[in-house]
C-alpha atoms as a PDB file:
ATOM      1  CA  MET A   1     -52.481 -11.592  21.046  1.00  0.00           C
ATOM      2  CA  ILE A   2     -50.229  -8.966  22.591  1.00  0.00           C
ATOM      3  CA  MET A   3     -48.233 -11.693  24.365  1.00  0.00           C
ATOM      4  CA  LYS A   4     -47.776 -13.595  21.090  1.00  0.00           C
ATOM      5  CA  LYS A   5     -46.492 -10.450  19.377  1.00  0.00           C
ATOM      6  CA  LEU A   6     -44.087  -9.793  22.241  1.00  0.00           C
ATOM      7  CA  ASN A   7     -42.805 -13.364  22.121  1.00  0.00           C
ATOM      8  CA  ALA A   8     -42.331 -13.105  18.354  1.00  0.00           C
ATOM      9  CA  LEU A   9     -40.435  -9.837  18.792  1.00  0.00           C
ATOM     10  CA  VAL A  10     -38.153 -11.375  21.413  1.00  0.00           C
ATOM     11  CA  ILE A  11     -37.408 -14.350  19.135  1.00  0.00           C
ATOM     12  CA  LEU A  12     -36.686 -11.995  16.223  1.00  0.00           C
ATOM     13  CA  LEU A  13     -34.277  -9.932  18.318  1.00  0.00           C
ATOM     14  CA  ILE A  14     -32.481 -13.078  19.481  1.00  0.00           C
ATOM     15  CA  LEU A  15     -32.117 -14.280  15.893  1.00  0.00           C
ATOM     16  CA  ILE A  16     -30.768 -10.913  14.792  1.00  0.00           C
ATOM     17  CA  GLY A  17     -28.249 -11.030  17.641  1.00  0.00           C
ATOM     18  CA  VAL A  18     -27.128 -14.553  16.743  1.00  0.00           C
ATOM     19  CA  LEU A  19     -26.825 -13.746  13.053  1.00  0.00           C
ATOM     20  CA  GLY A  20     -24.972 -10.534  13.789  1.00  0.00           C
ATOM     21  CA  THR A  21     -22.531 -12.347  16.048  1.00  0.00           C
ATOM     22  CA  GLY A  22     -22.034 -15.062  13.455  1.00  0.00           C
ATOM     23  CA  CYS A  23     -21.269 -12.533  10.721  1.00  0.00           C
ATOM     24  CA  GLY A  24     -18.715 -10.826  12.955  1.00  0.00           C
ATOM     25  CA  LYS A  25     -16.955 -14.119  13.560  1.00  0.00           C
ATOM     26  CA  GLU A  26     -16.979 -14.951   9.855  1.00  0.00           C
ATOM     27  CA  ASP A  27     -15.073 -11.743   9.217  1.00  0.00           C
ATOM     28  CA  LEU A  28     -12.314 -13.064  11.508  1.00  0.00           C
ATOM     29  CA  VAL A  29     -11.897 -16.539  10.035  1.00  0.00           C
ATOM     30  CA  ASP A  30      -8.312 -17.812   9.843  1.00  0.00           C
ATOM     31  CA  THR A  31      -7.966 -18.923   6.203  1.00  0.00           C
ATOM     32  CA  TRP A  32      -4.517 -20.559   6.425  1.00  0.00           C
ATOM     33  CA  ASP A  33      -5.885 -24.091   5.950  1.00  0.00           C
ATOM     34  CA  GLN A  34      -7.717 -22.989   2.776  1.00  0.00           C
ATOM     35  CA  ILE A  35      -4.634 -21.240   1.404  1.00  0.00           C
ATOM     36  CA  GLU A  36      -2.377 -24.181   2.202  1.00  0.00           C
ATOM     37  CA  GLY A  37      -4.916 -26.590   0.727  1.00  0.00           C
ATOM     38  CA  ARG A  38      -4.990 -24.887  -2.657  1.00  0.00           C
ATOM     39  CA  GLY A  39      -1.219 -24.372  -2.646  1.00  0.00           C
ATOM     40  CA  THR A  40      -1.309 -20.778  -3.860  1.00  0.00           C
ATOM     41  CA  ILE A  41      -1.530 -17.376  -2.246  1.00  0.00           C
ATOM     42  CA  ILE A  42      -2.969 -14.366  -4.087  1.00  0.00           C
ATOM     43  CA  VAL A  43      -0.939 -11.164  -3.769  1.00  0.00           C
ATOM     44  CA  GLY A  44      -2.742  -7.922  -4.626  1.00  0.00           C
ATOM     45  CA  LEU A  45      -0.680  -5.071  -6.041  1.00  0.00           C
ATOM     46  CA  ASP A  46      -0.659  -1.889  -8.116  1.00  0.00           C
ATOM     47  CA  ASP A  47       1.359  -3.071 -11.114  1.00  0.00           C
ATOM     48  CA  THR A  48       2.494   0.472 -11.998  1.00  0.00           C
ATOM     49  CA  PHE A  49       4.258   1.181  -8.689  1.00  0.00           C
ATOM     50  CA  VAL A  50       7.996   1.289  -9.403  1.00  0.00           C
ATOM     51  CA  PRO A  51      10.247  -0.199  -8.141  1.00  0.00           C
ATOM     52  CA  MET A  52       8.063  -2.336  -5.891  1.00  0.00           C
ATOM     53  CA  GLY A  53       5.838  -4.064  -8.447  1.00  0.00           C
ATOM     54  CA  PHE A  54       5.558  -3.099 -12.120  1.00  0.00           C
ATOM     55  CA  LYS A  55       5.734  -4.453 -15.661  1.00  0.00           C
ATOM     56  CA  ASP A  56       8.924  -4.337 -17.699  1.00  0.00           C
ATOM     57  CA  SER A  57       9.075  -3.605 -21.439  1.00  0.00           C
ATOM     58  CA  ASN A  58       8.120  -7.221 -22.165  1.00  0.00           C
ATOM     59  CA  GLY A  59       5.088  -7.135 -19.904  1.00  0.00           C
ATOM     60  CA  ASN A  60       6.695  -9.235 -17.166  1.00  0.00           C
ATOM     61  CA  LEU A  61       5.889  -8.347 -13.564  1.00  0.00           C
ATOM     62  CA  ILE A  62       9.054  -7.364 -11.694  1.00  0.00           C
ATOM     63  CA  GLY A  63      10.053  -5.345  -8.647  1.00  0.00           C
ATOM     64  CA  PHE A  64      11.552  -5.401  -5.178  1.00  0.00           C
ATOM     65  CA  ASP A  65       8.325  -6.489  -3.491  1.00  0.00           C
ATOM     66  CA  VAL A  66       7.696  -9.053  -6.229  1.00  0.00           C
ATOM     67  CA  ASP A  67      11.094 -10.668  -5.620  1.00  0.00           C
ATOM     68  CA  LEU A  68      10.704 -10.476  -1.847  1.00  0.00           C
ATOM     69  CA  ALA A  69       7.221 -12.007  -2.025  1.00  0.00           C
ATOM     70  CA  LYS A  70       8.304 -14.826  -4.341  1.00  0.00           C
ATOM     71  CA  GLU A  71      11.047 -15.914  -1.952  1.00  0.00           C
ATOM     72  CA  ALA A  72       8.940 -15.566   1.189  1.00  0.00           C
ATOM     73  CA  ILE A  73       5.997 -17.454  -0.310  1.00  0.00           C
ATOM     74  CA  LYS A  74       8.305 -20.218  -1.572  1.00  0.00           C
ATOM     75  CA  ARG A  75       9.526 -20.672   1.997  1.00  0.00           C
ATOM     76  CA  LEU A  76       5.898 -21.031   3.090  1.00  0.00           C
ATOM     77  CA  GLY A  77       5.608 -23.967   0.677  1.00  0.00           C
ATOM     78  CA  LEU A  78       3.217 -22.087  -1.616  1.00  0.00           C
ATOM     79  CA  GLU A  79       3.091 -20.614  -5.117  1.00  0.00           C
ATOM     80  CA  PRO A  80       2.421 -16.873  -5.509  1.00  0.00           C
ATOM     81  CA  LYS A  81      -0.277 -15.552  -7.800  1.00  0.00           C
ATOM     82  CA  PHE A  82       0.110 -11.819  -8.388  1.00  0.00           C
ATOM     83  CA  GLN A  83      -3.198 -10.036  -8.953  1.00  0.00           C
ATOM     84  CA  PRO A  84      -3.203  -6.402 -10.180  1.00  0.00           C
ATOM     85  CA  ILE A  85      -5.941  -4.473  -8.376  1.00  0.00           C
ATOM     86  CA  ASP A  86      -7.502  -1.022  -8.351  1.00  0.00           C
ATOM     87  CA  TRP A  87      -5.576   0.661  -5.528  1.00  0.00           C
ATOM     88  CA  ASN A  88      -8.707   2.599  -4.568  1.00  0.00           C
ATOM     89  CA  PHE A  89     -10.325  -0.673  -3.448  1.00  0.00           C
ATOM     90  CA  LYS A  90      -7.342  -2.596  -2.077  1.00  0.00           C
ATOM     91  CA  GLU A  91      -8.763  -3.180   1.408  1.00  0.00           C
ATOM     92  CA  GLN A  92     -12.125  -4.275  -0.014  1.00  0.00           C
ATOM     93  CA  GLU A  93     -10.335  -6.751  -2.295  1.00  0.00           C
ATOM     94  CA  LEU A  94      -8.523  -8.206   0.724  1.00  0.00           C
ATOM     95  CA  ILE A  95     -11.494  -8.373   3.083  1.00  0.00           C
ATOM     96  CA  SER A  96     -13.755  -9.908   0.416  1.00  0.00           C
ATOM     97  CA  GLY A  97     -11.235 -12.708  -0.193  1.00  0.00           C
ATOM     98  CA  ASN A  98     -10.382 -11.788  -3.782  1.00  0.00           C
ATOM     99  CA  ILE A  99      -6.755 -11.513  -2.655  1.00  0.00           C
ATOM    100  CA  ASP A 100      -4.887 -12.867   0.383  1.00  0.00           C
ATOM    101  CA  LEU A 101      -2.246 -10.154   0.823  1.00  0.00           C
ATOM    102  CA  ILE A 102      -1.592  -6.523  -0.058  1.00  0.00           C
ATOM    103  CA  TRP A 103       2.142  -6.455  -0.783  1.00  0.00           C
ATOM    104  CA  ASN A 104       3.223  -3.433  -2.805  1.00  0.00           C
ATOM    105  CA  GLY A 105       4.818  -0.531  -0.971  1.00  0.00           C
ATOM    106  CA  TYR A 106       1.852  -0.586   1.415  1.00  0.00           C
ATOM    107  CA  THR A 107       2.320   2.037   4.124  1.00  0.00           C
ATOM    108  CA  ILE A 108       1.228   1.283   7.672  1.00  0.00           C
ATOM    109  CA  THR A 109      -1.245   3.986   8.764  1.00  0.00           C
ATOM    110  CA  GLU A 110      -3.726   4.354  11.615  1.00  0.00           C
ATOM    111  CA  GLU A 111      -6.628   4.431   9.160  1.00  0.00           C
ATOM    112  CA  ARG A 112      -5.544   1.223   7.431  1.00  0.00           C
ATOM    113  CA  LEU A 113      -4.984  -0.543  10.755  1.00  0.00           C
ATOM    114  CA  LYS A 114      -8.709  -0.220  11.387  1.00  0.00           C
ATOM    115  CA  LYS A 115      -9.352  -2.461   8.371  1.00  0.00           C
ATOM    116  CA  VAL A 116      -6.389  -4.845   8.095  1.00  0.00           C
ATOM    117  CA  ASN A 117      -3.470  -6.223  10.083  1.00  0.00           C
ATOM    118  CA  PHE A 118       0.142  -5.602   9.085  1.00  0.00           C
ATOM    119  CA  THR A 119       3.306  -7.604   9.362  1.00  0.00           C
ATOM    120  CA  LYS A 120       6.235  -6.032  11.135  1.00  0.00           C
ATOM    121  CA  PRO A 121       7.564  -3.147   8.995  1.00  0.00           C
ATOM    122  CA  TYR A 122      10.261  -4.118   6.504  1.00  0.00           C
ATOM    123  CA  LEU A 123      11.157  -0.790   4.827  1.00  0.00           C
ATOM    124  CA  ASP A 124      11.282   2.875   5.849  1.00  0.00           C
ATOM    125  CA  ASN A 125       9.805   5.546   3.600  1.00  0.00           C
ATOM    126  CA  ARG A 126       9.076   9.297   3.493  1.00  0.00           C
ATOM    127  CA  GLN A 127       6.446  11.382   1.756  1.00  0.00           C
ATOM    128  CA  VAL A 128       8.473  13.757  -0.412  1.00  0.00           C
ATOM    129  CA  ILE A 129       7.678  16.752  -2.592  1.00  0.00           C
ATOM    130  CA  VAL A 130       8.799  16.455  -6.221  1.00  0.00           C
ATOM    131  CA  THR A 131       8.988  19.364  -8.667  1.00  0.00           C
ATOM    132  CA  LEU A 132      10.725  20.095 -11.932  1.00  0.00           C
ATOM    133  CA  ARG A 133      14.333  21.228 -11.630  1.00  0.00           C
ATOM    134  CA  ASP A 134      13.541  24.772 -12.851  1.00  0.00           C
ATOM    135  CA  SER A 135      10.590  25.249 -10.486  1.00  0.00           C
ATOM    136  CA  ASP A 136      10.607  28.105  -7.977  1.00  0.00           C
ATOM    137  CA  ILE A 137       9.016  25.824  -5.379  1.00  0.00           C
ATOM    138  CA  ASN A 138      11.633  25.194  -2.691  1.00  0.00           C
ATOM    139  CA  SER A 139       9.606  24.575   0.473  1.00  0.00           C
ATOM    140  CA  LYS A 140       6.208  23.434   1.700  1.00  0.00           C
ATOM    141  CA  ALA A 141       5.207  27.081   2.068  1.00  0.00           C
ATOM    142  CA  ASP A 142       5.762  27.575  -1.674  1.00  0.00           C
ATOM    143  CA  LEU A 143       2.958  25.084  -2.412  1.00  0.00           C
ATOM    144  CA  GLU A 144       0.367  27.729  -1.567  1.00  0.00           C
ATOM    145  CA  ASN A 145      -1.945  28.378  -4.547  1.00  0.00           C
ATOM    146  CA  ARG A 146      -0.054  25.789  -6.627  1.00  0.00           C
ATOM    147  CA  ALA A 147      -1.421  22.760  -8.459  1.00  0.00           C
ATOM    148  CA  VAL A 148      -0.318  19.861  -6.234  1.00  0.00           C
ATOM    149  CA  ALA A 149      -1.063  16.226  -7.053  1.00  0.00           C
ATOM    150  CA  THR A 150      -0.776  12.718  -5.679  1.00  0.00           C
ATOM    151  CA  GLN A 151      -2.255   9.242  -6.179  1.00  0.00           C
ATOM    152  CA  ASN A 152      -5.802   8.588  -5.059  1.00  0.00           C
ATOM    153  CA  SER A 153      -6.234   6.368  -1.964  1.00  0.00           C
ATOM    154  CA  SER A 154      -2.489   6.552  -1.261  1.00  0.00           C
ATOM    155  CA  SER A 155      -0.581   7.146   1.949  1.00  0.00           C
ATOM    156  CA  SER A 156       0.640  10.343   0.264  1.00  0.00           C
ATOM    157  CA  LEU A 157      -2.943  11.614   0.256  1.00  0.00           C
ATOM    158  CA  GLU A 158      -3.360  10.575   3.898  1.00  0.00           C
ATOM    159  CA  ALA A 159      -0.173  12.490   4.777  1.00  0.00           C
ATOM    160  CA  LEU A 160      -1.494  15.645   3.098  1.00  0.00           C
ATOM    161  CA  GLU A 161      -4.841  15.321   4.855  1.00  0.00           C
ATOM    162  CA  LYS A 162      -3.091  14.829   8.192  1.00  0.00           C
ATOM    163  CA  ALA A 163      -0.928  17.916   7.591  1.00  0.00           C
ATOM    164  CA  GLN A 164      -4.084  19.958   6.850  1.00  0.00           C
ATOM    165  CA  VAL A 165      -2.492  21.806   3.941  1.00  0.00           C
ATOM    166  CA  ILE A 166      -4.825  20.933   1.066  1.00  0.00           C
ATOM    167  CA  ASP A 167      -6.963  24.053   1.528  1.00  0.00           C
ATOM    168  CA  SER A 168      -3.895  26.176   0.751  1.00  0.00           C
ATOM    169  CA  PHE A 169      -3.357  24.540  -2.650  1.00  0.00           C
ATOM    170  CA  LYS A 170      -4.750  25.922  -5.892  1.00  0.00           C
ATOM    171  CA  ASP A 171      -8.572  25.840  -5.834  1.00  0.00           C
ATOM    172  CA  GLY A 172      -8.372  24.438  -2.305  1.00  0.00           C
ATOM    173  CA  GLN A 173      -7.850  20.886  -3.493  1.00  0.00           C
ATOM    174  CA  VAL A 174      -5.249  18.254  -4.314  1.00  0.00           C
ATOM    175  CA  ILE A 175      -5.321  16.783  -7.824  1.00  0.00           C
ATOM    176  CA  LEU A 176      -5.739  13.005  -7.710  1.00  0.00           C
ATOM    177  CA  PHE A 177      -4.471  10.451 -10.229  1.00  0.00           C
ATOM    178  CA  ASP A 178      -5.143   6.730 -10.458  1.00  0.00           C
ATOM    179  CA  THR A 179      -1.391   6.045 -10.702  1.00  0.00           C
ATOM    180  CA  PHE A 180       1.811   7.912  -9.910  1.00  0.00           C
ATOM    181  CA  ASN A 181       2.931   7.344 -13.510  1.00  0.00           C
ATOM    182  CA  GLU A 182       0.089   9.573 -14.702  1.00  0.00           C
ATOM    183  CA  ALA A 183       0.978  12.198 -12.111  1.00  0.00           C
ATOM    184  CA  PHE A 184       4.633  12.267 -13.196  1.00  0.00           C
ATOM    185  CA  MET A 185       3.601  12.668 -16.840  1.00  0.00           C
ATOM    186  CA  ASP A 186       1.483  15.697 -15.952  1.00  0.00           C
ATOM    187  CA  LEU A 187       4.367  17.127 -13.935  1.00  0.00           C
ATOM    188  CA  GLU A 188       6.699  16.767 -16.920  1.00  0.00           C
ATOM    189  CA  VAL A 189       4.375  18.809 -19.163  1.00  0.00           C
ATOM    190  CA  LYS A 190       3.695  21.321 -16.349  1.00  0.00           C
ATOM    191  CA  ARG A 191      -0.010  20.618 -15.953  1.00  0.00           C
ATOM    192  CA  ILE A 192       0.770  20.358 -12.245  1.00  0.00           C
ATOM    193  CA  ASP A 193       3.381  22.213 -10.205  1.00  0.00           C
ATOM    194  CA  ALA A 194       4.350  19.606  -7.629  1.00  0.00           C
ATOM    195  CA  LEU A 195       3.789  15.994  -6.696  1.00  0.00           C
ATOM    196  CA  VAL A 196       3.739  14.371  -3.252  1.00  0.00           C
ATOM    197  CA  ALA A 197       4.855  10.747  -3.413  1.00  0.00           C
ATOM    198  CA  ASP A 198       6.643   7.883  -1.660  1.00  0.00           C
ATOM    199  CA  GLU A 199      10.371   8.632  -1.634  1.00  0.00           C
ATOM    200  CA  ILE A 200      11.334   5.076  -2.630  1.00  0.00           C
ATOM    201  CA  MET A 201       9.131   5.241  -5.712  1.00  0.00           C
ATOM    202  CA  ALA A 202      10.008   8.847  -6.575  1.00  0.00           C
ATOM    203  CA  ARG A 203      13.795   8.381  -6.455  1.00  0.00           C
ATOM    204  CA  TYR A 204      13.625   5.247  -8.586  1.00  0.00           C
ATOM    205  CA  TYR A 205      11.364   6.941 -11.145  1.00  0.00           C
ATOM    206  CA  ILE A 206      13.583  10.019 -11.297  1.00  0.00           C
ATOM    207  CA  ALA A 207      16.737   7.915 -11.742  1.00  0.00           C
ATOM    208  CA  GLU A 208      15.074   6.139 -14.665  1.00  0.00           C
ATOM    209  CA  ARG A 209      13.617   9.261 -16.317  1.00  0.00           C
ATOM    210  CA  GLY A 210      16.547  11.627 -15.837  1.00  0.00           C
ATOM    211  CA  GLU A 211      17.683  13.217 -12.593  1.00  0.00           C
ATOM    212  CA  GLU A 212      18.402  16.488 -14.375  1.00  0.00           C
ATOM    213  CA  LYS A 213      14.652  17.036 -14.873  1.00  0.00           C
ATOM    214  CA  TYR A 214      13.518  16.946 -11.248  1.00  0.00           C
ATOM    215  CA  LYS A 215      14.273  17.938  -7.701  1.00  0.00           C
ATOM    216  CA  ILE A 216      13.107  16.538  -4.369  1.00  0.00           C
ATOM    217  CA  LEU A 217      12.689  19.197  -1.688  1.00  0.00           C
ATOM    218  CA  ASP A 218      14.440  18.987   1.669  1.00  0.00           C
ATOM    219  CA  GLU A 219      11.130  19.373   3.486  1.00  0.00           C
ATOM    220  CA  ASP A 220       8.729  16.439   3.459  1.00  0.00           C
ATOM    221  CA  PHE A 221       5.379  15.268   4.832  1.00  0.00           C
ATOM    222  CA  GLY A 222       6.660  12.696   7.277  1.00  0.00           C
ATOM    223  CA  ASP A 223       8.328   9.340   7.794  1.00  0.00           C
ATOM    224  CA  GLU A 224       6.491   6.072   7.203  1.00  0.00           C
ATOM    225  CA  GLU A 225       6.993   2.310   7.158  1.00  0.00           C
ATOM    226  CA  TYR A 226       5.969  -0.366   4.668  1.00  0.00           C
ATOM    227  CA  GLY A 227       4.277  -3.560   5.811  1.00  0.00           C
ATOM    228  CA  ILE A 228       2.300  -6.420   4.266  1.00  0.00           C
ATOM    229  CA  GLY A 229      -1.475  -6.202   4.628  1.00  0.00           C
ATOM    230  CA  VAL A 230      -3.261  -9.300   5.967  1.00  0.00           C
ATOM    231  CA  ARG A 231      -6.931  -9.924   6.808  1.00  0.00           C
ATOM    232  CA  LYS A 232      -7.843  -9.334  10.463  1.00  0.00           C
ATOM    233  CA  GLY A 233      -8.592 -13.015  11.059  1.00  0.00           C
ATOM    234  CA  ASP A 234      -5.483 -14.443   9.405  1.00  0.00           C
ATOM    235  CA  LYS A 235      -3.251 -14.747  12.474  1.00  0.00           C
ATOM    236  CA  THR A 236      -1.552 -17.939  11.267  1.00  0.00           C
ATOM    237  CA  LEU A 237      -0.552 -16.351   7.958  1.00  0.00           C
ATOM    238  CA  LEU A 238       0.569 -13.180   9.729  1.00  0.00           C
ATOM    239  CA  ASP A 239       2.779 -15.102  12.151  1.00  0.00           C
ATOM    240  CA  LYS A 240       4.261 -17.234   9.365  1.00  0.00           C
ATOM    241  CA  LEU A 241       5.056 -14.169   7.244  1.00  0.00           C
ATOM    242  CA  ASN A 242       6.733 -12.382  10.145  1.00  0.00           C
ATOM    243  CA  ALA A 243       8.821 -15.484  10.844  1.00  0.00           C
ATOM    244  CA  VAL A 244       9.903 -16.005   7.240  1.00  0.00           C
ATOM    245  CA  LEU A 245      10.770 -12.312   6.737  1.00  0.00           C
ATOM    246  CA  GLU A 246      12.928 -12.428   9.867  1.00  0.00           C
ATOM    247  CA  GLU A 247      14.590 -15.580   8.536  1.00  0.00           C
ATOM    248  CA  MET A 248      15.316 -13.852   5.210  1.00  0.00           C
ATOM    249  CA  LYS A 249      16.896 -10.926   7.044  1.00  0.00           C
ATOM    250  CA  LYS A 250      19.112 -13.180   9.131  1.00  0.00           C
ATOM    251  CA  ASP A 251      20.361 -15.321   6.234  1.00  0.00           C
ATOM    252  CA  GLY A 252      21.079 -12.307   3.995  1.00  0.00           C
ATOM    253  CA  THR A 253      18.430 -13.020   1.345  1.00  0.00           C
ATOM    254  CA  ALA A 254      16.503  -9.792   1.990  1.00  0.00           C
ATOM    255  CA  LYS A 255      19.770  -7.835   1.869  1.00  0.00           C
ATOM    256  CA  LYS A 256      20.658  -9.317  -1.526  1.00  0.00           C
ATOM    257  CA  ILE A 257      17.239  -8.506  -3.003  1.00  0.00           C
ATOM    258  CA  SER A 258      17.524  -4.956  -1.653  1.00  0.00           C
ATOM    259  CA  GLU A 259      21.000  -4.499  -3.135  1.00  0.00           C
ATOM    260  CA  ASP A 260      19.768  -5.779  -6.498  1.00  0.00           C
ATOM    261  CA  TRP A 261      17.091  -3.068  -6.618  1.00  0.00           C
ATOM    262  CA  PHE A 262      18.506  -0.169  -4.612  1.00  0.00           C
ATOM    263  CA  GLY A 263      22.260  -0.725  -4.649  1.00  0.00           C
ATOM    264  CA  GLU A 264      22.273  -0.995  -0.853  1.00  0.00           C
ATOM    265  CA  ASP A 265      20.578  -2.782   2.013  1.00  0.00           C
ATOM    266  CA  ILE A 266      17.585  -0.708   3.128  1.00  0.00           C
ATOM    267  CA  VAL A 267      15.577  -3.537   4.715  1.00  0.00           C
ATOM    268  CA  LYS A 268      14.640  -2.856   8.368  1.00  0.00           C
END
C-alpha cells in the first residue's frame, strides 16, 4: 500500500512538472503566423495621451505614434486595429493576447522589461516637473510638503519611486490620476501644486492650452526612451518591427511624421 502511494506521488509530481513546463512554453509562443493569418495587428494605447495617441474634436484617433504605427504596420502587410486600454493593466492586456503591441509613448524601464520585450528605442524623453507660472516651486527641493501628482502605472510614477522622494510630499504620498488630462485639470484649478509627467506630452499639452499658464522646471527626474512593447515570445514580430522602423528612418518617413507633430526630427 505504501509503495502504491509512493508511486502515485511520483507520477503526480511528474505530471505537475510536465504541465508546468508546458505552461511556461505557452507563455513564449511566437504568434506571428496567427497575426499574419488574420491580417490585422491590435495596438493597445491610452487614447488620452497627447500627442502620441488621442482623439480629436471629431472623435478620430490621431497622434505621432498612431501615424508611425499605421505606416510601420502597412509595411508589414497588415492592417492596424487600435484598441484603447486601461493603462493600469497594459502589460496584462498584452500578455493575455487581448492586444499584440503596446505603442503609445511607452517608456522602457527595468520593471517593464521583466514582463515584456521592447523594440529598439525610437524617441528620447524626460520626466519633468510642471507647475503653474505663478507658483513658488522652482526646484525639486520645493516639492517638500506639496501636493504632487502623476498618472497611475506610468513611468513618471516609477521615476518618483526610484528617486525616493514621495515621502517628502504632502501627506507622504503622490496623488495618482487615471490620465494626465485629469491631472492637468486639477493643476489648473490649484487642487495640486505640481505634476510630474513625460516631457513630450507635457510640452505639447502646454502649447495647446497656453504656455503663459505653466512652467517646466529646469530640474527633472531623469532621461528615458520610448519603445514598442511586444510579448516575450514574439521574436519574429519584434525583429520585423525593428527592421521596418530602421527602414522608415533611412528613407525619411519617420522624420516627416516627426516634423508634422513636433516641428522637427526627434526620432532616434
